[in-house]
Amino acid sequence: MPKASEIKKNMAVEMNGEAYIVRDIERSVPQGRAGGSLYRMRMYSVATNQKIDDTFKDSDMIALADLERREVTFSYIDGEEYVFMDSQDYTAYNLHKDALGDQLLFVSEDTKGLQVMIVNDAPVALDLPSTVELVITETDPSLKGGSATARTKPAILTTGLTVQVPEHISIGDKIKINVEDRKFTGRCN
């Protein structure tokens, strides 16, 4: 069993006999306490999608739920459901768009490294790679000599995500985006 300080986003934990997916973690160090940090976790029930917030000391032990990860590719949209295909046995996994939330800004048909998390034989969440490659659909024209300066401009990508890119980047360029901080990391070859 890991300590609360070792829990990361998108991990599955078990509390009161029920599985939860950790969606957000805030760390705080209260003044006047004898050392320890507090971890406030926002979790969603796998069975009911009910949200709970709980706070743990850094040394609290938390049980992990039985979680399986399967590598998938995005296949298609079926109403409110996004369908992902298992890369090994071609099983289709449906995830509701509300369960995916902001992650949809990083998912396109050619996104590599996607994994569906399965708890109790049911798909519960999508795990994104640390970087994704997306194509620019809208931005200001590129400036000649723009690579010599550190100025940036906004660019809209195929998924609707807007990021700041260097001035020499233009429409149609494929770029890498860091998923965690939503920033441009480089141009793809």
N, C-alpha and C. Protein backbone atom coordinates (compact mmCIF):
# COMPACT_ATOMS: atom_id res chain seq x y z
N MET A 1 0.83 -1.18 0.00
CA MET A 1 0.00 0.00 0.00
C MET A 1 0.88 1.25 0.00
N PRO A 2 0.64 2.14 -0.93
CA PRO A 2 1.44 3.38 -0.98
C PRO A 2 0.93 4.42 0.03
N LYS A 3 1.81 5.36 0.33
CA LYS A 3 1.44 6.48 1.18
C LYS A 3 0.66 7.48 0.33
N ALA A 4 -0.06 8.38 0.99
CA ALA A 4 -0.83 9.41 0.27
C ALA A 4 0.08 10.27 -0.60
N SER A 5 1.31 10.49 -0.15
CA SER A 5 2.26 11.31 -0.91
C SER A 5 2.70 10.64 -2.21
N GLU A 6 2.48 9.35 -2.35
CA GLU A 6 2.89 8.61 -3.54
C GLU A 6 1.76 8.43 -4.56
N ILE A 7 0.56 8.86 -4.21
CA ILE A 7 -0.59 8.73 -5.11
C ILE A 7 -0.50 9.81 -6.19
N LYS A 8 -0.78 9.44 -7.43
CA LYS A 8 -0.74 10.36 -8.58
C LYS A 8 -2.13 10.43 -9.22
N LYS A 9 -2.31 11.45 -10.08
CA LYS A 9 -3.57 11.58 -10.81
C LYS A 9 -3.82 10.33 -11.66
N ASN A 10 -5.09 9.98 -11.81
CA ASN A 10 -5.55 8.84 -12.61
C ASN A 10 -5.21 7.48 -12.01
N MET A 11 -4.79 7.44 -10.75
CA MET A 11 -4.60 6.15 -10.09
C MET A 11 -5.94 5.70 -9.55
N ALA A 12 -6.13 4.40 -9.43
CA ALA A 12 -7.36 3.84 -8.86
C ALA A 12 -7.07 3.43 -7.42
N VAL A 13 -7.87 3.95 -6.50
CA VAL A 13 -7.71 3.63 -5.08
C VAL A 13 -8.99 2.98 -4.57
N GLU A 14 -8.86 2.25 -3.47
CA GLU A 14 -10.01 1.59 -2.89
C GLU A 14 -10.27 2.16 -1.50
N MET A 15 -11.51 2.61 -1.29
CA MET A 15 -11.91 3.14 0.01
C MET A 15 -13.29 2.59 0.34
N ASN A 16 -13.45 2.10 1.56
CA ASN A 16 -14.75 1.56 2.01
C ASN A 16 -15.27 0.49 1.06
N GLY A 17 -14.38 -0.31 0.50
CA GLY A 17 -14.77 -1.40 -0.38
C GLY A 17 -15.20 -0.97 -1.78
N GLU A 18 -14.98 0.30 -2.12
CA GLU A 18 -15.38 0.80 -3.43
C GLU A 18 -14.16 1.38 -4.15
N ALA A 19 -14.12 1.26 -5.48
CA ALA A 19 -13.00 1.76 -6.28
C ALA A 19 -13.27 3.20 -6.71
N TYR A 20 -12.23 4.04 -6.62
CA TYR A 20 -12.31 5.44 -7.03
C TYR A 20 -11.13 5.78 -7.92
N ILE A 21 -11.35 6.69 -8.88
CA ILE A 21 -10.28 7.21 -9.72
C ILE A 21 -9.92 8.59 -9.18
N VAL A 22 -8.62 8.83 -8.93
CA VAL A 22 -8.15 10.12 -8.44
C VAL A 22 -8.02 11.06 -9.63
N ARG A 23 -8.80 12.15 -9.64
CA ARG A 23 -8.79 13.09 -10.76
C ARG A 23 -7.93 14.32 -10.49
N ASP A 24 -7.82 14.73 -9.23
CA ASP A 24 -7.07 15.94 -8.92
C ASP A 24 -6.47 15.83 -7.54
N ILE A 25 -5.26 16.37 -7.37
CA ILE A 25 -4.57 16.34 -6.08
C ILE A 25 -4.02 17.73 -5.81
N GLU A 26 -4.30 18.24 -4.62
CA GLU A 26 -3.72 19.51 -4.17
C GLU A 26 -2.91 19.23 -2.92
N ARG A 27 -1.66 19.70 -2.93
CA ARG A 27 -0.78 19.51 -1.78
C ARG A 27 -0.69 20.83 -1.02
N SER A 28 -0.81 20.76 0.29
CA SER A 28 -0.65 21.97 1.11
C SER A 28 0.18 21.65 2.34
N VAL A 29 0.88 22.67 2.82
CA VAL A 29 1.70 22.53 4.02
C VAL A 29 1.19 23.57 5.02
N PRO A 30 0.28 23.17 5.91
CA PRO A 30 -0.27 24.13 6.86
C PRO A 30 0.80 24.65 7.83
N GLN A 31 0.66 25.92 8.20
CA GLN A 31 1.59 26.52 9.17
C GLN A 31 1.26 26.01 10.56
N GLY A 32 2.28 25.87 11.39
CA GLY A 32 2.08 25.49 12.77
C GLY A 32 1.93 24.00 13.01
N ARG A 33 1.93 23.21 11.94
CA ARG A 33 1.85 21.76 12.13
C ARG A 33 3.25 21.20 12.26
N ALA A 34 3.35 20.09 12.87
CA ALA A 34 4.65 19.46 13.08
C ALA A 34 5.10 18.73 11.83
N GLY A 35 5.35 19.48 10.76
CA GLY A 35 5.99 18.88 9.60
C GLY A 35 5.14 18.46 8.44
N GLY A 36 4.14 17.61 8.61
CA GLY A 36 3.54 16.92 7.49
C GLY A 36 2.73 17.74 6.52
N SER A 37 2.72 17.29 5.28
CA SER A 37 1.91 17.89 4.23
C SER A 37 0.53 17.25 4.24
N LEU A 38 -0.44 17.97 3.70
CA LEU A 38 -1.79 17.43 3.52
C LEU A 38 -2.07 17.30 2.03
N TYR A 39 -2.73 16.23 1.65
CA TYR A 39 -3.08 15.98 0.26
C TYR A 39 -4.60 15.92 0.14
N ARG A 40 -5.16 16.91 -0.56
CA ARG A 40 -6.61 16.94 -0.80
C ARG A 40 -6.84 16.31 -2.16
N MET A 41 -7.59 15.22 -2.18
CA MET A 41 -7.82 14.46 -3.41
C MET A 41 -9.28 14.52 -3.82
N ARG A 42 -9.51 14.82 -5.09
CA ARG A 42 -10.85 14.75 -5.67
C ARG A 42 -10.92 13.42 -6.41
N MET A 43 -11.88 12.59 -5.99
CA MET A 43 -12.00 11.24 -6.55
C MET A 43 -13.42 11.01 -7.05
N TYR A 44 -13.53 10.14 -8.05
CA TYR A 44 -14.83 9.78 -8.61
C TYR A 44 -15.02 8.28 -8.49
N SER A 45 -16.20 7.89 -8.04
CA SER A 45 -16.53 6.48 -7.89
C SER A 45 -16.58 5.82 -9.27
N VAL A 46 -15.99 4.63 -9.36
CA VAL A 46 -16.01 3.88 -10.61
C VAL A 46 -17.43 3.43 -10.94
N ALA A 47 -18.18 3.01 -9.93
CA ALA A 47 -19.51 2.46 -10.16
C ALA A 47 -20.56 3.54 -10.44
N THR A 48 -20.53 4.65 -9.68
CA THR A 48 -21.61 5.63 -9.78
C THR A 48 -21.17 6.98 -10.34
N ASN A 49 -19.88 7.19 -10.54
CA ASN A 49 -19.30 8.46 -10.99
C ASN A 49 -19.57 9.61 -10.00
N GLN A 50 -19.88 9.24 -8.75
CA GLN A 50 -20.11 10.23 -7.70
C GLN A 50 -18.78 10.81 -7.24
N LYS A 51 -18.74 12.13 -7.06
CA LYS A 51 -17.51 12.82 -6.68
C LYS A 51 -17.39 12.87 -5.16
N ILE A 52 -16.18 12.61 -4.66
CA ILE A 52 -15.89 12.83 -3.25
C ILE A 52 -14.55 13.55 -3.13
N ASP A 53 -14.45 14.40 -2.13
CA ASP A 53 -13.19 15.06 -1.79
C ASP A 53 -12.76 14.56 -0.43
N ASP A 54 -11.50 14.21 -0.30
CA ASP A 54 -10.99 13.73 0.98
C ASP A 54 -9.58 14.26 1.17
N THR A 55 -9.19 14.47 2.41
CA THR A 55 -7.86 14.98 2.73
C THR A 55 -7.09 13.93 3.53
N PHE A 56 -5.83 13.74 3.15
CA PHE A 56 -4.98 12.74 3.79
C PHE A 56 -3.68 13.37 4.24
N LYS A 57 -3.12 12.85 5.33
CA LYS A 57 -1.77 13.23 5.74
C LYS A 57 -0.80 12.51 4.81
N ASP A 58 0.41 13.04 4.67
CA ASP A 58 1.36 12.43 3.73
C ASP A 58 1.73 11.00 4.10
N SER A 59 1.59 10.63 5.37
CA SER A 59 1.98 9.28 5.80
C SER A 59 0.80 8.30 5.82
N ASP A 60 -0.43 8.76 5.54
CA ASP A 60 -1.59 7.86 5.50
C ASP A 60 -1.40 6.82 4.40
N MET A 61 -1.74 5.58 4.71
CA MET A 61 -1.63 4.50 3.75
C MET A 61 -2.96 4.36 3.00
N ILE A 62 -2.89 4.26 1.66
CA ILE A 62 -4.09 4.17 0.84
C ILE A 62 -4.00 2.90 -0.01
N ALA A 63 -5.08 2.13 -0.01
CA ALA A 63 -5.11 0.88 -0.77
C ALA A 63 -5.39 1.18 -2.24
N LEU A 64 -4.65 0.51 -3.11
CA LEU A 64 -4.87 0.64 -4.55
C LEU A 64 -5.94 -0.35 -4.99
N ALA A 65 -6.79 0.06 -5.92
CA ALA A 65 -7.80 -0.83 -6.48
C ALA A 65 -7.16 -1.68 -7.57
N ASP A 66 -7.79 -2.79 -7.87
CA ASP A 66 -7.32 -3.68 -8.92
C ASP A 66 -7.58 -2.99 -10.26
N LEU A 67 -6.51 -2.59 -10.91
CA LEU A 67 -6.61 -1.77 -12.12
C LEU A 67 -5.83 -2.43 -13.25
N GLU A 68 -6.45 -2.45 -14.42
CA GLU A 68 -5.78 -2.98 -15.60
C GLU A 68 -5.69 -1.85 -16.63
N ARG A 69 -4.58 -1.75 -17.31
CA ARG A 69 -4.40 -0.76 -18.37
C ARG A 69 -4.26 -1.49 -19.70
N ARG A 70 -5.01 -0.99 -20.68
CA ARG A 70 -4.97 -1.57 -22.02
C ARG A 70 -4.62 -0.47 -23.02
N GLU A 71 -3.65 -0.74 -23.89
CA GLU A 71 -3.29 0.23 -24.92
C GLU A 71 -4.39 0.27 -25.97
N VAL A 72 -4.82 1.51 -26.32
CA VAL A 72 -5.93 1.69 -27.25
C VAL A 72 -5.63 2.78 -28.26
N THR A 73 -6.46 2.82 -29.30
CA THR A 73 -6.45 3.92 -30.25
C THR A 73 -7.87 4.49 -30.31
N PHE A 74 -7.95 5.80 -30.55
CA PHE A 74 -9.27 6.42 -30.68
C PHE A 74 -9.89 5.96 -31.98
N SER A 75 -11.16 5.51 -31.92
CA SER A 75 -11.82 4.97 -33.09
C SER A 75 -12.87 5.93 -33.67
N TYR A 76 -13.91 6.23 -32.89
CA TYR A 76 -14.97 7.11 -33.40
C TYR A 76 -15.82 7.63 -32.24
N ILE A 77 -16.73 8.57 -32.58
CA ILE A 77 -17.65 9.13 -31.60
C ILE A 77 -19.04 8.57 -31.89
N ASP A 78 -19.72 8.09 -30.84
CA ASP A 78 -21.07 7.55 -30.97
C ASP A 78 -21.97 8.33 -30.01
N GLY A 79 -22.50 9.45 -30.50
CA GLY A 79 -23.34 10.30 -29.66
C GLY A 79 -22.51 10.97 -28.57
N GLU A 80 -22.78 10.63 -27.31
CA GLU A 80 -22.04 11.17 -26.17
C GLU A 80 -20.86 10.27 -25.78
N GLU A 81 -20.73 9.14 -26.45
CA GLU A 81 -19.70 8.16 -26.12
C GLU A 81 -18.52 8.26 -27.10
N TYR A 82 -17.32 8.14 -26.55
CA TYR A 82 -16.11 8.06 -27.36
C TYR A 82 -15.66 6.61 -27.33
N VAL A 83 -15.42 6.04 -28.50
CA VAL A 83 -15.09 4.62 -28.60
C VAL A 83 -13.60 4.47 -28.90
N PHE A 84 -12.94 3.65 -28.06
CA PHE A 84 -11.52 3.37 -28.20
C PHE A 84 -11.36 1.88 -28.48
N MET A 85 -10.44 1.54 -29.39
CA MET A 85 -10.24 0.16 -29.80
C MET A 85 -8.95 -0.37 -29.17
N ASP A 86 -9.06 -1.55 -28.53
CA ASP A 86 -7.90 -2.20 -27.92
C ASP A 86 -6.91 -2.56 -29.03
N SER A 87 -5.64 -2.21 -28.84
CA SER A 87 -4.61 -2.45 -29.86
C SER A 87 -4.25 -3.92 -30.00
N GLN A 88 -4.57 -4.75 -28.99
CA GLN A 88 -4.19 -6.17 -29.03
C GLN A 88 -5.33 -7.06 -29.53
N ASP A 89 -6.49 -6.98 -28.86
CA ASP A 89 -7.58 -7.90 -29.21
C ASP A 89 -8.80 -7.20 -29.83
N TYR A 90 -8.68 -5.91 -30.16
CA TYR A 90 -9.70 -5.14 -30.87
C TYR A 90 -11.03 -5.02 -30.11
N THR A 91 -10.98 -5.13 -28.78
CA THR A 91 -12.17 -4.89 -27.97
C THR A 91 -12.48 -3.39 -27.99
N ALA A 92 -13.76 -3.05 -28.11
CA ALA A 92 -14.16 -1.64 -28.09
C ALA A 92 -14.49 -1.22 -26.66
N TYR A 93 -13.94 -0.08 -26.24
CA TYR A 93 -14.22 0.48 -24.91
C TYR A 93 -14.90 1.83 -25.09
N ASN A 94 -16.06 2.00 -24.49
CA ASN A 94 -16.81 3.25 -24.58
C ASN A 94 -16.59 4.07 -23.32
N LEU A 95 -16.27 5.35 -23.49
CA LEU A 95 -16.15 6.27 -22.37
C LEU A 95 -17.01 7.49 -22.67
N HIS A 96 -17.81 7.91 -21.70
CA HIS A 96 -18.69 9.06 -21.87
C HIS A 96 -17.85 10.33 -21.93
N LYS A 97 -18.30 11.30 -22.72
CA LYS A 97 -17.52 12.53 -22.88
C LYS A 97 -17.37 13.28 -21.56
N ASP A 98 -18.33 13.17 -20.64
CA ASP A 98 -18.20 13.82 -19.33
C ASP A 98 -17.08 13.20 -18.50
N ALA A 99 -16.87 11.89 -18.64
CA ALA A 99 -15.80 11.22 -17.91
C ALA A 99 -14.43 11.63 -18.45
N LEU A 100 -14.37 11.99 -19.73
CA LEU A 100 -13.11 12.37 -20.34
C LEU A 100 -12.76 13.84 -20.08
N GLY A 101 -13.77 14.69 -20.07
CA GLY A 101 -13.57 16.11 -19.76
C GLY A 101 -12.53 16.78 -20.65
N ASP A 102 -11.57 17.48 -20.03
CA ASP A 102 -10.53 18.22 -20.76
C ASP A 102 -9.57 17.32 -21.53
N GLN A 103 -9.56 16.04 -21.23
CA GLN A 103 -8.66 15.13 -21.94
C GLN A 103 -8.97 15.08 -23.44
N LEU A 104 -10.21 15.41 -23.80
CA LEU A 104 -10.60 15.38 -25.22
C LEU A 104 -9.80 16.37 -26.05
N LEU A 105 -9.24 17.40 -25.42
CA LEU A 105 -8.43 18.38 -26.14
C LEU A 105 -7.12 17.77 -26.65
N PHE A 106 -6.76 16.59 -26.17
CA PHE A 106 -5.50 15.95 -26.55
C PHE A 106 -5.70 14.67 -27.36
N VAL A 107 -6.95 14.32 -27.67
CA VAL A 107 -7.24 13.06 -28.35
C VAL A 107 -7.64 13.32 -29.79
N SER A 108 -6.88 12.74 -30.71
CA SER A 108 -7.24 12.76 -32.13
C SER A 108 -7.09 11.34 -32.67
N GLU A 109 -7.45 11.15 -33.92
CA GLU A 109 -7.44 9.81 -34.50
C GLU A 109 -6.04 9.19 -34.55
N ASP A 110 -5.00 10.03 -34.58
CA ASP A 110 -3.65 9.46 -34.66
C ASP A 110 -2.83 9.67 -33.39
N THR A 111 -3.50 9.92 -32.26
CA THR A 111 -2.79 10.05 -30.98
C THR A 111 -2.26 8.69 -30.56
N LYS A 112 -0.97 8.62 -30.29
CA LYS A 112 -0.34 7.36 -29.89
C LYS A 112 -0.12 7.36 -28.38
N GLY A 113 -0.09 6.16 -27.78
CA GLY A 113 0.21 6.03 -26.36
C GLY A 113 -0.98 6.15 -25.43
N LEU A 114 -2.21 6.09 -25.98
CA LEU A 114 -3.40 6.14 -25.13
C LEU A 114 -3.61 4.81 -24.42
N GLN A 115 -4.08 4.88 -23.18
CA GLN A 115 -4.41 3.67 -22.43
C GLN A 115 -5.76 3.86 -21.74
N VAL A 116 -6.59 2.82 -21.80
CA VAL A 116 -7.85 2.82 -21.06
C VAL A 116 -7.59 2.08 -19.76
N MET A 117 -8.08 2.66 -18.66
CA MET A 117 -7.97 2.01 -17.36
C MET A 117 -9.26 1.25 -17.09
N ILE A 118 -9.11 -0.03 -16.71
CA ILE A 118 -10.25 -0.91 -16.50
C ILE A 118 -10.25 -1.37 -15.05
N VAL A 119 -11.38 -1.15 -14.36
CA VAL A 119 -11.58 -1.61 -13.00
C VAL A 119 -12.83 -2.47 -13.00
N ASN A 120 -12.72 -3.68 -12.45
CA ASN A 120 -13.85 -4.62 -12.40
C ASN A 120 -14.47 -4.83 -13.79
N ASP A 121 -13.63 -5.03 -14.80
CA ASP A 121 -14.03 -5.30 -16.19
C ASP A 121 -14.80 -4.16 -16.84
N ALA A 122 -14.74 -2.95 -16.28
CA ALA A 122 -15.42 -1.80 -16.88
C ALA A 122 -14.41 -0.69 -17.15
N PRO A 123 -14.43 -0.10 -18.36
CA PRO A 123 -13.54 1.03 -18.63
C PRO A 123 -13.96 2.24 -17.80
N VAL A 124 -13.01 2.86 -17.09
CA VAL A 124 -13.36 3.96 -16.20
C VAL A 124 -12.66 5.27 -16.53
N ALA A 125 -11.51 5.20 -17.18
CA ALA A 125 -10.78 6.44 -17.44
C ALA A 125 -9.80 6.22 -18.58
N LEU A 126 -9.32 7.34 -19.11
CA LEU A 126 -8.33 7.34 -20.17
C LEU A 126 -7.04 7.91 -19.62
N ASP A 127 -5.92 7.27 -19.90
CA ASP A 127 -4.62 7.75 -19.47
C ASP A 127 -3.87 8.24 -20.70
N LEU A 128 -3.51 9.52 -20.68
CA LEU A 128 -2.83 10.13 -21.82
C LEU A 128 -1.32 9.99 -21.69
N PRO A 129 -0.60 9.98 -22.83
CA PRO A 129 0.86 10.03 -22.76
C PRO A 129 1.32 11.41 -22.28
N SER A 130 2.59 11.56 -21.94
CA SER A 130 3.07 12.85 -21.43
C SER A 130 3.08 13.92 -22.52
N THR A 131 3.29 13.54 -23.78
CA THR A 131 3.22 14.49 -24.89
C THR A 131 2.36 13.90 -26.01
N VAL A 132 1.68 14.79 -26.73
CA VAL A 132 0.88 14.37 -27.89
C VAL A 132 1.27 15.22 -29.08
N GLU A 133 1.03 14.68 -30.27
CA GLU A 133 1.32 15.41 -31.51
C GLU A 133 0.00 15.82 -32.15
N LEU A 134 -0.15 17.13 -32.40
CA LEU A 134 -1.37 17.66 -33.01
C LEU A 134 -1.01 18.63 -34.13
N VAL A 135 -1.95 18.84 -35.05
CA VAL A 135 -1.74 19.70 -36.21
C VAL A 135 -2.40 21.05 -35.97
N ILE A 136 -1.71 22.12 -36.39
CA ILE A 136 -2.23 23.48 -36.26
C ILE A 136 -3.23 23.73 -37.38
N THR A 137 -4.44 24.19 -37.01
CA THR A 137 -5.47 24.49 -38.01
C THR A 137 -5.66 25.99 -38.20
N GLU A 138 -5.25 26.78 -37.21
CA GLU A 138 -5.47 28.22 -37.32
C GLU A 138 -4.41 28.97 -36.50
N THR A 139 -3.72 29.91 -37.14
CA THR A 139 -2.77 30.78 -36.46
C THR A 139 -2.43 31.94 -37.40
N ASP A 140 -1.79 32.95 -36.85
CA ASP A 140 -1.35 34.07 -37.68
C ASP A 140 -0.28 33.58 -38.64
N PRO A 141 -0.08 34.28 -39.76
CA PRO A 141 0.97 33.87 -40.71
C PRO A 141 2.35 33.85 -40.02
N SER A 142 3.21 32.94 -40.49
CA SER A 142 4.55 32.86 -39.92
C SER A 142 5.37 34.06 -40.38
N LEU A 143 6.28 34.49 -39.51
CA LEU A 143 7.13 35.64 -39.84
C LEU A 143 8.51 35.17 -40.23
N LYS A 144 9.03 35.74 -41.29
CA LYS A 144 10.38 35.41 -41.71
C LYS A 144 11.34 35.93 -40.64
N GLY A 145 12.25 35.08 -40.20
CA GLY A 145 13.17 35.46 -39.14
C GLY A 145 12.55 35.34 -37.75
N GLY A 146 11.35 34.76 -37.66
CA GLY A 146 10.65 34.62 -36.39
C GLY A 146 11.31 33.65 -35.43
N SER A 147 12.18 32.79 -35.97
CA SER A 147 12.85 31.82 -35.09
C SER A 147 13.99 32.48 -34.31
N ALA A 148 14.36 33.69 -34.67
CA ALA A 148 15.45 34.38 -33.98
C ALA A 148 14.98 35.05 -32.69
N THR A 149 13.66 35.19 -32.53
CA THR A 149 13.13 35.83 -31.33
C THR A 149 12.37 34.82 -30.49
N ALA A 150 12.09 35.19 -29.25
CA ALA A 150 11.36 34.30 -28.35
C ALA A 150 9.88 34.68 -28.28
N ARG A 151 9.40 35.52 -29.20
CA ARG A 151 7.99 35.91 -29.18
C ARG A 151 7.12 34.74 -29.62
N THR A 152 5.89 34.73 -29.09
CA THR A 152 4.96 33.66 -29.43
C THR A 152 3.65 34.24 -29.94
N LYS A 153 2.82 33.35 -30.49
CA LYS A 153 1.50 33.72 -30.98
C LYS A 153 0.56 32.56 -30.66
N PRO A 154 -0.75 32.81 -30.56
CA PRO A 154 -1.69 31.72 -30.29
C PRO A 154 -1.92 30.87 -31.54
N ALA A 155 -2.11 29.58 -31.31
CA ALA A 155 -2.42 28.65 -32.40
C ALA A 155 -3.54 27.72 -31.94
N ILE A 156 -4.50 27.49 -32.83
CA ILE A 156 -5.60 26.56 -32.54
C ILE A 156 -5.27 25.24 -33.23
N LEU A 157 -5.40 24.14 -32.48
CA LEU A 157 -5.06 22.81 -32.99
C LEU A 157 -6.32 22.07 -33.44
N THR A 158 -6.16 20.91 -34.07
CA THR A 158 -7.27 20.15 -34.63
C THR A 158 -8.33 19.79 -33.59
N THR A 159 -7.96 19.66 -32.33
CA THR A 159 -8.90 19.28 -31.29
C THR A 159 -9.59 20.47 -30.64
N GLY A 160 -9.20 21.70 -31.02
CA GLY A 160 -9.77 22.90 -30.42
C GLY A 160 -8.91 23.51 -29.33
N LEU A 161 -7.84 22.84 -28.96
CA LEU A 161 -6.91 23.35 -27.95
C LEU A 161 -6.15 24.55 -28.51
N THR A 162 -6.00 25.61 -27.69
CA THR A 162 -5.23 26.78 -28.09
C THR A 162 -3.96 26.83 -27.25
N VAL A 163 -2.80 26.94 -27.93
CA VAL A 163 -1.51 27.02 -27.25
C VAL A 163 -0.69 28.15 -27.86
N GLN A 164 0.31 28.59 -27.13
CA GLN A 164 1.25 29.59 -27.63
C GLN A 164 2.38 28.87 -28.37
N VAL A 165 2.69 29.33 -29.58
CA VAL A 165 3.76 28.73 -30.38
C VAL A 165 4.70 29.83 -30.85
N PRO A 166 5.95 29.48 -31.19
CA PRO A 166 6.88 30.48 -31.74
C PRO A 166 6.34 31.07 -33.04
N GLU A 167 6.80 32.28 -33.38
CA GLU A 167 6.29 32.99 -34.56
C GLU A 167 6.56 32.29 -35.88
N HIS A 168 7.59 31.44 -35.96
CA HIS A 168 7.92 30.79 -37.24
C HIS A 168 7.04 29.57 -37.54
N ILE A 169 6.19 29.16 -36.63
CA ILE A 169 5.30 28.01 -36.85
C ILE A 169 4.09 28.48 -37.67
N SER A 170 3.61 27.61 -38.59
CA SER A 170 2.50 28.03 -39.46
C SER A 170 1.40 26.96 -39.51
N ILE A 171 0.30 27.30 -40.17
CA ILE A 171 -0.83 26.39 -40.32
C ILE A 171 -0.38 25.11 -41.02
N GLY A 172 -0.86 23.96 -40.53
CA GLY A 172 -0.51 22.67 -41.12
C GLY A 172 0.68 22.01 -40.46
N ASP A 173 1.45 22.75 -39.65
CA ASP A 173 2.59 22.15 -38.95
C ASP A 173 2.09 21.21 -37.86
N LYS A 174 2.80 20.09 -37.70
CA LYS A 174 2.50 19.14 -36.62
C LYS A 174 3.46 19.45 -35.48
N ILE A 175 2.88 19.67 -34.28
CA ILE A 175 3.71 20.06 -33.13
C ILE A 175 3.47 19.12 -31.95
N LYS A 176 4.43 19.12 -31.03
CA LYS A 176 4.31 18.34 -29.80
C LYS A 176 3.82 19.25 -28.69
N ILE A 177 2.87 18.74 -27.90
CA ILE A 177 2.30 19.47 -26.78
C ILE A 177 2.51 18.66 -25.51
N ASN A 178 3.01 19.31 -24.44
CA ASN A 178 3.10 18.68 -23.14
C ASN A 178 1.71 18.66 -22.54
N VAL A 179 1.19 17.49 -22.22
CA VAL A 179 -0.18 17.34 -21.74
C VAL A 179 -0.36 17.98 -20.37
N GLU A 180 0.61 17.83 -19.48
CA GLU A 180 0.48 18.33 -18.11
C GLU A 180 0.32 19.84 -18.04
N ASP A 181 1.20 20.57 -18.73
CA ASP A 181 1.14 22.04 -18.63
C ASP A 181 0.57 22.71 -19.89
N ARG A 182 0.13 21.91 -20.88
CA ARG A 182 -0.51 22.41 -22.11
C ARG A 182 0.36 23.41 -22.85
N LYS A 183 1.63 23.07 -23.00
CA LYS A 183 2.55 23.99 -23.68
C LYS A 183 3.23 23.31 -24.85
N PHE A 184 3.59 24.14 -25.83
CA PHE A 184 4.34 23.72 -27.01
C PHE A 184 5.73 23.24 -26.58
N THR A 185 6.15 22.07 -27.07
CA THR A 185 7.49 21.59 -26.73
C THR A 185 8.39 21.46 -27.96
N GLY A 186 7.80 21.45 -29.16
CA GLY A 186 8.64 21.37 -30.36
C GLY A 186 7.83 20.98 -31.58
N ARG A 187 8.48 21.08 -32.71
CA ARG A 187 7.87 20.71 -33.98
C ARG A 187 8.20 19.25 -34.26
N CYS A 188 7.24 18.53 -34.86
CA CYS A 188 7.47 17.13 -35.23
C CYS A 188 8.17 17.07 -36.58
N ASN A 189 8.91 15.99 -36.79
CA ASN A 189 9.61 15.81 -38.06
C ASN A 189 8.68 15.31 -39.13
